[in-house]
Amino acid sequence: MASKQISAGIGIPMIVVGVILAFLVAPIQANLKDTVEFVGSLIGILGVIIFIVGLFSRKVTAITS
């Protein structure tokens, strides 16, 4: 039972934003190129981790009395 909300709602957009920052915005910025590449790759890596966590997470049933 994968959590599609986590994978599709958080993981995939973070991967897309990381790719956009690392490959499209970084070459435009001359002074901050290394920093923008680092931040973009960090966001992308975190997006992949959140995507994988979303695949393995499952709903926990709450016990009510």
Protein backbone atom coordinates (compact mmCIF):
# COMPACT_ATOMS: atom_id res chain seq x y z
CA MET A 1 0.00 0.00 0.00
CA ALA A 2 1.99 2.96 -1.24
CA SER A 3 1.16 6.48 -0.24
CA LYS A 4 0.54 8.09 -3.59
CA GLN A 5 -0.06 11.47 -1.97
CA ILE A 6 3.50 11.58 -0.62
CA SER A 7 5.13 10.21 -3.77
CA ALA A 8 3.20 12.23 -6.33
CA GLY A 9 2.47 15.32 -4.24
CA ILE A 10 5.87 15.97 -2.68
CA GLY A 11 8.53 13.72 -4.19
CA ILE A 12 7.98 14.30 -7.90
CA PRO A 13 7.64 18.12 -7.67
CA MET A 14 10.85 18.29 -5.60
CA ILE A 15 12.69 16.25 -8.22
CA VAL A 16 11.41 18.54 -10.98
CA VAL A 17 12.38 21.71 -9.10
CA GLY A 18 15.82 20.28 -8.35
CA VAL A 19 16.41 19.47 -12.02
CA ILE A 20 15.24 22.92 -13.08
CA LEU A 21 17.56 24.61 -10.59
CA ALA A 22 20.59 22.44 -11.29
CA PHE A 23 20.44 22.35 -15.09
CA LEU A 24 18.50 25.41 -16.23
CA VAL A 25 18.99 28.17 -13.66
CA ALA A 26 22.58 27.47 -12.60
CA PRO A 27 24.21 28.22 -15.99
CA ILE A 28 22.42 31.58 -16.07
CA GLN A 29 23.80 32.65 -12.69
CA ALA A 30 27.48 33.49 -13.14
CA ASN A 31 28.35 34.45 -9.55
CA LEU A 32 26.33 31.82 -7.71
CA LYS A 33 26.60 28.89 -10.14
CA ASP A 34 28.12 26.44 -7.65
CA THR A 35 25.66 27.33 -4.92
CA VAL A 36 22.63 27.05 -7.19
CA GLU A 37 23.84 23.68 -8.51
CA PHE A 38 24.34 22.44 -4.96
CA VAL A 39 20.90 23.57 -3.79
CA GLY A 40 19.25 22.13 -6.91
CA SER A 41 20.94 18.77 -6.52
CA LEU A 42 20.14 18.71 -2.79
CA ILE A 43 16.46 19.37 -3.47
CA GLY A 44 16.47 16.66 -6.15
CA ILE A 45 18.10 14.11 -3.88
CA LEU A 46 15.66 14.87 -1.06
CA GLY A 47 12.81 14.52 -3.57
CA VAL A 48 14.04 11.06 -4.55
CA ILE A 49 14.28 10.04 -0.90
CA ILE A 50 10.76 11.31 -0.16
CA PHE A 51 9.48 9.55 -3.30
CA ILE A 52 10.97 6.23 -2.14
CA VAL A 53 9.63 6.71 1.40
CA GLY A 54 6.19 7.34 -0.09
CA LEU A 55 6.39 4.03 -1.92
CA PHE A 56 7.10 2.10 1.26
CA SER A 57 4.82 3.91 3.69
CA ARG A 58 1.47 2.47 4.64
CA LYS A 59 -1.52 3.65 6.56
CA VAL A 60 -1.71 2.76 10.22
CA THR A 61 -5.12 2.06 11.63
CA ALA A 62 -5.92 3.98 14.78
CA ILE A 63 -7.24 2.02 17.72
CA THR A 64 -10.17 3.81 19.32
CA SER A 65 -11.87 2.80 22.48
